[in-house]
Amino acid sequence: MVFGMKSWAASVGGHAGLRRDAMLNVRGWEAIDAVLKARYGDVERLEWDAPIAHRPFGMPVPMGQFVTNTIAIYPRDEPVPHWHLIGYALTAPHEERGYEFTLRVPRGTEDRQPPNWALFHLENLASYVSKSGNDFRAGHYVEFPDPIDPDRPDSVIRAGAFVVDPELGGARTSLGEVEFLQFVGITTDELHAAQSWNVVGFVDALAPHLPHLVTDLDRTSLAGLPDVAHTVREGSARDGSGTGFLFFHRLDADTSDGVALEFGEQHVPQLVRVLPARVPHGNQLVLRGPGKPVVLLPGEEFTHRHTDQALEITLPDAVSHAIADTVRPAPGTYRIPAAPALTVTVVP
């Protein structure tokens, strides 16, 4: 999909292709206009407009391919040069979901418009929500199997966190609240750090190093910075992990002689960070894979039982910590000292 800029808008609220009398009926969009007017005044902005909207005004049946009707784009110089993109998609008629996605990306000195990947990404997020019915909220995260920008296949930004836009916040309308939900691109190991605590706390720890939480696909991971790592360790030890589910592409279990778990080596970094911050804090951790889920539960004794829905394994605190200390992201079979009946096999 290739995006191109359609027009400049001389002031906030100019929606090409949509009559102003129709616009008056789109109260969610008016709320967006009011927030952007308060933040940016009458400064010029770029706009991308869908050739044919997914649901043109007054049409309940999807028609065009674009869920996003308009993307407003503001060039910014402070606190760092960047583009601020705001979608008009999920508060449109028949898509009144109470929030809109925003995104900030770097702006070079010679740039005249934002990169196509950024426009596509906002549309892709809105399209996923509209077609799946799955909503995002502040504190949620998402992983991507493919590069966010196909032209940057080596980018380590392969996930994203959602937080309230640090400048726009939200607005109250006659239809209810509208929240501006900013996508913040993060690396895989940053995602693992966030999963060991919580997304909002982790992004707050990143904020001093990412002014206005700009998504730079060329940056390296910040998870290992001393202040970030310290904040995450303290938060995880204090609050535990807010991640209740981990999804493993490879997951198997055998209980014919004790308990033998098997999973892929790519999942070990997640498990060893989330498990000790989850089960010892009194919360279950569900491992989902191709087959029957494995539910790790807190308890005084190491036990297991099969239910119709899952294999349930009860882990004393010492066993949870021993798994995290023993298992490594390298193929092999690991025996857990605190639970002789438990082995973990890591496969490529």
Protein backbone atom coordinates (compact mmCIF):
# COMPACT_ATOMS: atom_id res chain seq x y z
CA MET A 1 0.00 0.00 0.00
CA VAL A 2 1.47 3.37 -0.99
CA PHE A 3 0.39 6.57 0.70
CA GLY A 4 0.66 10.05 -0.72
CA MET A 5 -0.13 13.44 0.72
CA LYS A 6 -3.37 14.87 -0.58
CA SER A 7 -3.33 18.46 0.55
CA TRP A 8 -2.25 21.16 2.94
CA ALA A 9 -4.90 22.39 5.35
CA ALA A 10 -4.66 26.07 6.16
CA SER A 11 -6.20 25.65 9.58
CA VAL A 12 -7.40 23.02 11.97
CA GLY A 13 -10.57 21.27 10.87
CA GLY A 14 -10.20 21.27 7.09
CA HIS A 15 -11.29 17.81 5.91
CA ALA A 16 -10.93 17.47 2.16
CA GLY A 17 -13.77 15.65 0.47
CA LEU A 18 -16.23 15.97 3.38
CA ARG A 19 -18.83 18.76 3.30
CA ARG A 20 -18.82 21.04 6.35
CA ASP A 21 -22.54 20.38 6.94
CA ALA A 22 -21.73 16.67 7.17
CA MET A 23 -18.77 17.43 9.42
CA LEU A 24 -21.08 19.14 11.90
CA ASN A 25 -22.73 15.80 12.51
CA VAL A 26 -19.46 14.02 13.28
CA ARG A 27 -19.21 15.05 16.90
CA GLY A 28 -16.24 12.84 17.63
CA TRP A 29 -14.28 14.60 14.90
CA GLU A 30 -15.30 18.00 16.24
CA ALA A 31 -13.84 17.00 19.59
CA ILE A 32 -10.55 16.13 17.89
CA ASP A 33 -10.61 19.45 16.04
CA ALA A 34 -11.13 21.31 19.33
CA VAL A 35 -8.21 19.56 21.07
CA LEU A 36 -5.88 20.17 18.12
CA LYS A 37 -7.02 23.77 17.88
CA ALA A 38 -6.19 24.28 21.55
CA ARG A 39 -2.75 22.71 21.11
CA TYR A 40 -1.71 24.02 17.69
CA GLY A 41 -3.90 27.04 17.02
CA ASP A 42 -4.08 27.91 13.33
CA VAL A 43 -0.66 26.64 12.28
CA GLU A 44 -0.56 24.89 8.95
CA ARG A 45 -0.71 21.14 8.96
CA LEU A 46 -0.46 18.43 6.37
CA GLU A 47 -3.38 16.10 5.82
CA TRP A 48 -3.69 12.70 4.24
CA ASP A 49 -7.26 11.90 3.19
CA ALA A 50 -8.60 8.50 2.15
CA PRO A 51 -9.65 8.38 -1.54
CA ILE A 52 -12.72 6.39 -0.48
CA ALA A 53 -13.37 6.06 3.21
CA HIS A 54 -14.04 2.61 4.69
CA ARG A 55 -17.52 3.81 5.64
CA PRO A 56 -18.35 7.07 3.83
CA PHE A 57 -20.56 9.44 5.81
CA GLY A 58 -24.05 8.00 6.25
CA MET A 59 -23.07 4.57 4.92
CA PRO A 60 -23.21 1.77 7.52
CA VAL A 61 -21.73 -0.83 5.15
CA PRO A 62 -17.94 -0.77 4.57
CA MET A 63 -17.04 0.34 1.06
CA GLY A 64 -13.49 1.69 0.75
CA GLN A 65 -10.34 -0.03 1.95
CA PHE A 66 -9.25 2.77 4.31
CA VAL A 67 -10.66 2.77 7.83
CA THR A 68 -8.80 6.01 8.46
CA ASN A 69 -10.63 8.97 6.92
CA THR A 70 -7.97 11.62 7.59
CA ILE A 71 -4.55 11.83 9.20
CA ALA A 72 -3.60 15.25 10.52
CA ILE A 73 0.17 15.83 10.49
CA TYR A 74 1.98 18.62 12.31
CA PRO A 75 5.67 19.43 11.76
CA ARG A 76 7.40 19.97 15.10
CA ASP A 77 10.78 21.38 16.09
CA GLU A 78 10.56 20.95 19.84
CA PRO A 79 11.62 19.15 21.96
CA VAL A 80 13.18 17.31 18.99
CA PRO A 81 12.28 17.62 15.29
CA HIS A 82 9.43 15.24 14.60
CA TRP A 83 6.09 14.76 12.89
CA HIS A 84 2.98 14.46 15.06
CA LEU A 85 0.31 12.33 13.36
CA ILE A 86 -3.29 12.09 14.58
CA GLY A 87 -5.84 9.78 12.96
CA TYR A 88 -9.52 10.47 12.32
CA ALA A 89 -10.78 6.89 12.18
CA LEU A 90 -12.23 5.27 15.27
CA THR A 91 -14.53 8.12 16.30
CA ALA A 92 -16.16 8.27 12.87
CA PRO A 93 -19.82 7.27 12.38
CA HIS A 94 -20.23 3.50 12.92
CA GLU A 95 -16.72 3.35 14.48
CA GLU A 96 -17.38 5.21 17.72
CA ARG A 97 -14.77 3.43 19.83
CA GLY A 98 -13.80 6.35 22.07
CA TYR A 99 -10.19 6.82 21.03
CA GLU A 100 -7.90 7.73 18.17
CA PHE A 101 -4.34 6.65 17.48
CA THR A 102 -1.46 9.11 17.37
CA LEU A 103 2.16 8.61 16.37
CA ARG A 104 5.33 10.70 16.46
CA VAL A 105 8.23 9.99 14.08
CA PRO A 106 11.55 11.77 13.45
CA ARG A 107 11.62 14.67 10.98
CA GLY A 108 14.78 15.41 9.02
CA THR A 109 15.81 18.93 8.05
CA GLU A 110 14.95 18.27 4.40
CA ASP A 111 11.74 16.31 5.01
CA ARG A 112 8.59 17.78 3.49
CA GLN A 113 6.23 15.04 4.62
CA PRO A 114 6.31 12.09 7.02
CA PRO A 115 7.44 8.68 5.80
CA ASN A 116 4.87 6.43 4.16
CA TRP A 117 5.41 3.72 6.76
CA ALA A 118 4.08 6.04 9.49
CA LEU A 119 0.87 6.78 7.58
CA PHE A 120 0.43 3.11 6.75
CA HIS A 121 1.03 2.13 10.36
CA LEU A 122 -1.75 4.37 11.70
CA GLU A 123 -4.11 2.99 9.09
CA ASN A 124 -3.04 -0.58 9.85
CA LEU A 125 -3.78 -0.13 13.56
CA ALA A 126 -7.21 1.38 12.89
CA SER A 127 -8.01 -1.33 10.35
CA TYR A 128 -7.10 -4.07 12.82
CA VAL A 129 -9.38 -2.59 15.48
CA SER A 130 -12.29 -2.06 13.10
CA LYS A 131 -12.13 -5.49 11.52
CA SER A 132 -11.28 -7.56 14.61
CA GLY A 133 -13.29 -5.67 17.22
CA ASN A 134 -10.28 -5.86 19.58
CA ASP A 135 -9.64 -2.54 21.27
CA PHE A 136 -6.41 -1.08 22.62
CA ARG A 137 -6.06 0.87 25.84
CA ALA A 138 -3.24 2.67 27.59
CA GLY A 139 -0.97 0.00 29.03
CA HIS A 140 -1.53 -2.49 26.19
CA TYR A 141 1.23 -3.71 23.89
CA VAL A 142 1.53 -5.44 20.53
CA GLU A 143 4.23 -7.51 18.78
CA PHE A 144 4.75 -7.68 15.03
CA PRO A 145 5.90 -10.73 13.03
CA ASP A 146 7.20 -8.49 10.23
CA PRO A 147 9.16 -5.21 10.19
CA ILE A 148 7.01 -2.13 10.79
CA ASP A 149 8.72 -0.54 7.79
CA PRO A 150 9.52 -3.06 5.01
CA ASP A 151 12.40 -0.81 3.96
CA ARG A 152 14.03 -1.30 7.39
CA PRO A 153 14.10 -5.09 7.78
CA ASP A 154 16.95 -4.87 10.30
CA SER A 155 15.15 -2.46 12.64
CA VAL A 156 15.02 -3.77 16.21
CA ILE A 157 11.73 -1.92 16.78
CA ARG A 158 9.43 -4.94 16.49
CA ALA A 159 6.78 -4.14 19.10
CA GLY A 160 4.75 -1.23 20.39
CA ALA A 161 3.31 0.15 23.60
CA PHE A 162 0.19 2.29 23.92
CA VAL A 163 0.05 5.28 26.26
CA VAL A 164 -2.04 8.42 26.48
CA ASP A 165 -0.56 11.03 24.13
CA PRO A 166 1.61 13.23 26.41
CA GLU A 167 0.24 16.46 24.94
CA LEU A 168 -3.27 15.73 23.73
CA GLY A 169 -4.69 13.56 26.52
CA GLY A 170 -8.42 13.29 25.93
CA ALA A 171 -11.62 15.23 25.45
CA ARG A 172 -15.25 14.99 26.55
CA THR A 173 -17.91 15.04 23.86
CA SER A 174 -21.65 14.54 23.70
CA LEU A 175 -20.84 10.97 22.64
CA GLY A 176 -18.58 10.39 25.66
CA GLU A 177 -14.82 10.51 26.20
CA VAL A 178 -12.34 10.57 23.33
CA GLU A 179 -8.79 9.53 24.25
CA PHE A 180 -5.68 10.07 22.15
CA LEU A 181 -3.73 6.83 22.30
CA GLN A 182 -0.11 7.16 21.20
CA PHE A 183 1.74 4.22 19.71
CA VAL A 184 5.34 4.05 20.95
CA GLY A 185 7.65 1.72 19.05
CA ILE A 186 9.84 -0.45 21.30
CA THR A 187 12.36 -3.25 20.85
CA THR A 188 11.75 -6.88 21.72
CA ASP A 189 13.91 -6.76 24.85
CA GLU A 190 12.20 -3.52 25.89
CA LEU A 191 8.90 -5.37 25.55
CA HIS A 192 10.20 -8.14 27.79
CA ALA A 193 11.24 -5.53 30.37
CA ALA A 194 7.77 -3.96 30.20
CA GLN A 195 6.14 -7.38 30.60
CA SER A 196 8.12 -7.98 33.79
CA TRP A 197 6.48 -4.88 35.29
CA ASN A 198 3.87 -2.87 33.36
CA VAL A 199 3.80 -0.96 30.10
CA VAL A 200 2.95 2.48 31.47
CA GLY A 201 5.68 2.34 34.12
CA PHE A 202 8.24 1.14 31.58
CA VAL A 203 7.39 3.87 29.05
CA ASP A 204 7.68 6.45 31.85
CA ALA A 205 11.19 5.09 32.48
CA LEU A 206 12.01 5.52 28.77
CA ALA A 207 10.56 9.04 28.54
CA PRO A 208 13.74 10.93 29.60
CA HIS A 209 15.54 9.24 26.70
CA LEU A 210 12.67 9.54 24.19
CA PRO A 211 11.34 13.11 24.23
CA HIS A 212 7.61 13.04 23.47
CA LEU A 213 8.02 9.29 22.91
CA VAL A 214 9.03 9.59 19.27
CA THR A 215 9.11 6.26 17.41
CA ASP A 216 12.53 6.08 15.75
CA LEU A 217 12.92 2.84 13.82
CA ASP A 218 16.69 3.35 13.64
CA ARG A 219 17.38 3.55 17.37
CA THR A 220 18.87 0.82 19.53
CA SER A 221 17.42 -0.69 22.68
CA LEU A 222 17.31 1.41 25.84
CA ALA A 223 16.37 -1.44 28.18
CA GLY A 224 19.96 -1.84 29.37
CA LEU A 225 20.48 1.79 30.38
CA PRO A 226 21.30 1.84 34.10
CA ASP A 227 18.45 4.16 35.12
CA VAL A 228 15.88 2.31 33.00
CA ALA A 229 16.99 -1.14 34.21
CA HIS A 230 17.03 0.06 37.84
CA THR A 231 13.53 1.53 37.60
CA VAL A 232 12.17 -1.67 36.04
CA ARG A 233 13.82 -3.90 38.65
CA GLU A 234 12.43 -1.81 41.49
CA GLY A 235 8.96 -1.60 39.95
CA SER A 236 8.84 -5.31 39.18
CA ALA A 237 9.97 -6.26 42.70
CA ARG A 238 7.45 -3.87 44.25
CA ASP A 239 4.41 -4.31 42.02
CA GLY A 240 4.97 -7.60 40.27
CA SER A 241 4.13 -8.16 36.62
CA GLY A 242 0.88 -7.11 34.98
CA THR A 243 1.33 -9.71 32.22
CA GLY A 244 -1.07 -12.60 32.73
CA PHE A 245 -0.53 -14.41 29.40
CA LEU A 246 2.51 -15.36 27.33
CA PHE A 247 2.07 -16.77 23.83
CA PHE A 248 4.56 -19.44 22.77
CA HIS A 249 4.84 -20.66 19.19
CA ARG A 250 6.29 -23.92 20.54
CA LEU A 251 4.86 -25.30 23.80
CA ASP A 252 4.50 -28.89 24.96
CA ALA A 253 4.16 -30.74 28.28
CA ASP A 254 4.55 -34.36 29.38
CA THR A 255 3.38 -35.54 32.79
CA SER A 256 4.03 -39.28 32.41
CA ASP A 257 7.04 -39.05 34.75
CA GLY A 258 6.97 -35.86 36.76
CA VAL A 259 6.48 -32.69 34.72
CA ALA A 260 8.50 -32.03 31.57
CA LEU A 261 7.92 -28.71 29.84
CA GLU A 262 9.23 -27.91 26.37
CA PHE A 263 9.26 -24.59 24.55
CA GLY A 264 11.25 -22.58 22.03
CA GLU A 265 14.43 -20.74 22.98
CA GLN A 266 13.02 -17.43 21.74
CA HIS A 267 10.48 -17.50 24.59
CA VAL A 268 12.98 -17.93 27.43
CA PRO A 269 13.81 -14.21 27.89
CA GLN A 270 10.11 -13.46 28.42
CA LEU A 271 9.52 -16.36 30.79
CA VAL A 272 12.50 -15.77 33.07
CA ARG A 273 11.56 -12.11 33.48
CA VAL A 274 7.81 -12.46 33.89
CA LEU A 275 7.55 -15.66 35.96
CA PRO A 276 9.37 -14.46 39.14
CA ALA A 277 7.45 -11.17 38.97
CA ARG A 278 4.12 -12.92 38.57
CA VAL A 279 3.62 -16.19 40.48
CA PRO A 280 5.53 -15.21 43.69
CA HIS A 281 3.28 -12.14 43.80
CA GLY A 282 0.23 -14.40 44.05
CA ASN A 283 -0.87 -14.23 40.42
CA GLN A 284 -1.23 -16.99 37.86
CA LEU A 285 0.68 -16.99 34.58
CA VAL A 286 -0.91 -18.65 31.54
CA LEU A 287 1.31 -20.04 28.78
CA ARG A 288 -0.61 -20.40 25.53
CA GLY A 289 0.63 -22.37 22.56
CA PRO A 290 -0.64 -24.56 19.72
CA GLY A 291 -2.09 -27.13 22.14
CA LYS A 292 -3.41 -27.20 25.68
CA PRO A 293 -2.47 -24.13 27.77
CA VAL A 294 -0.19 -24.45 30.79
CA VAL A 295 -1.29 -22.46 33.84
CA LEU A 296 1.38 -21.68 36.45
CA LEU A 297 -0.19 -21.08 39.86
CA PRO A 298 1.16 -19.89 43.22
CA GLY A 299 1.12 -22.40 46.07
CA GLU A 300 3.01 -23.99 48.92
CA GLU A 301 3.83 -27.32 47.22
CA PHE A 302 4.91 -28.30 43.72
CA THR A 303 1.95 -30.18 42.21
CA HIS A 304 0.20 -30.57 38.89
CA ARG A 305 -3.20 -31.61 37.60
CA HIS A 306 -5.02 -31.80 34.30
CA THR A 307 -8.35 -30.06 33.77
CA ASP A 308 -10.55 -29.97 30.71
CA GLN A 309 -9.08 -26.59 29.83
CA ALA A 310 -5.39 -26.72 30.81
CA LEU A 311 -2.49 -28.33 32.61
CA GLU A 312 -2.23 -26.57 35.98
CA ILE A 313 1.15 -26.53 37.72
CA THR A 314 1.47 -25.13 41.24
CA LEU A 315 4.84 -23.48 41.91
CA PRO A 316 6.18 -22.47 45.32
CA ASP A 317 8.07 -19.17 45.21
CA ALA A 318 11.43 -20.95 45.38
CA VAL A 319 10.61 -23.02 42.30
CA SER A 320 9.53 -19.97 40.29
CA HIS A 321 12.80 -18.23 41.11
CA ALA A 322 14.79 -21.41 40.42
CA ILE A 323 13.27 -21.69 36.92
CA ALA A 324 14.22 -18.07 36.20
CA ASP A 325 17.75 -18.63 37.51
CA THR A 326 18.34 -21.98 35.76
CA VAL A 327 16.74 -21.93 32.31
CA ARG A 328 18.70 -20.18 29.57
CA PRO A 329 17.86 -19.26 25.95
CA ALA A 330 19.98 -22.11 24.62
CA PRO A 331 18.83 -25.59 23.54
CA GLY A 332 19.09 -28.22 26.24
CA THR A 333 17.30 -29.87 29.14
CA TYR A 334 17.36 -28.01 32.45
CA ARG A 335 16.65 -29.71 35.76
CA ILE A 336 15.19 -27.39 38.38
CA PRO A 337 17.01 -27.85 41.71
CA ALA A 338 14.07 -26.76 43.84
CA ALA A 339 11.74 -29.27 42.12
CA PRO A 340 13.45 -32.54 41.11
CA ALA A 341 10.29 -33.73 39.36
CA LEU A 342 10.36 -30.74 37.00
CA THR A 343 12.48 -30.43 33.86
CA VAL A 344 12.43 -27.76 31.19
CA THR A 345 13.63 -28.54 27.67
CA VAL A 346 14.49 -25.64 25.43
CA VAL A 347 14.40 -26.31 21.68
CA PRO A 348 15.61 -24.18 18.75
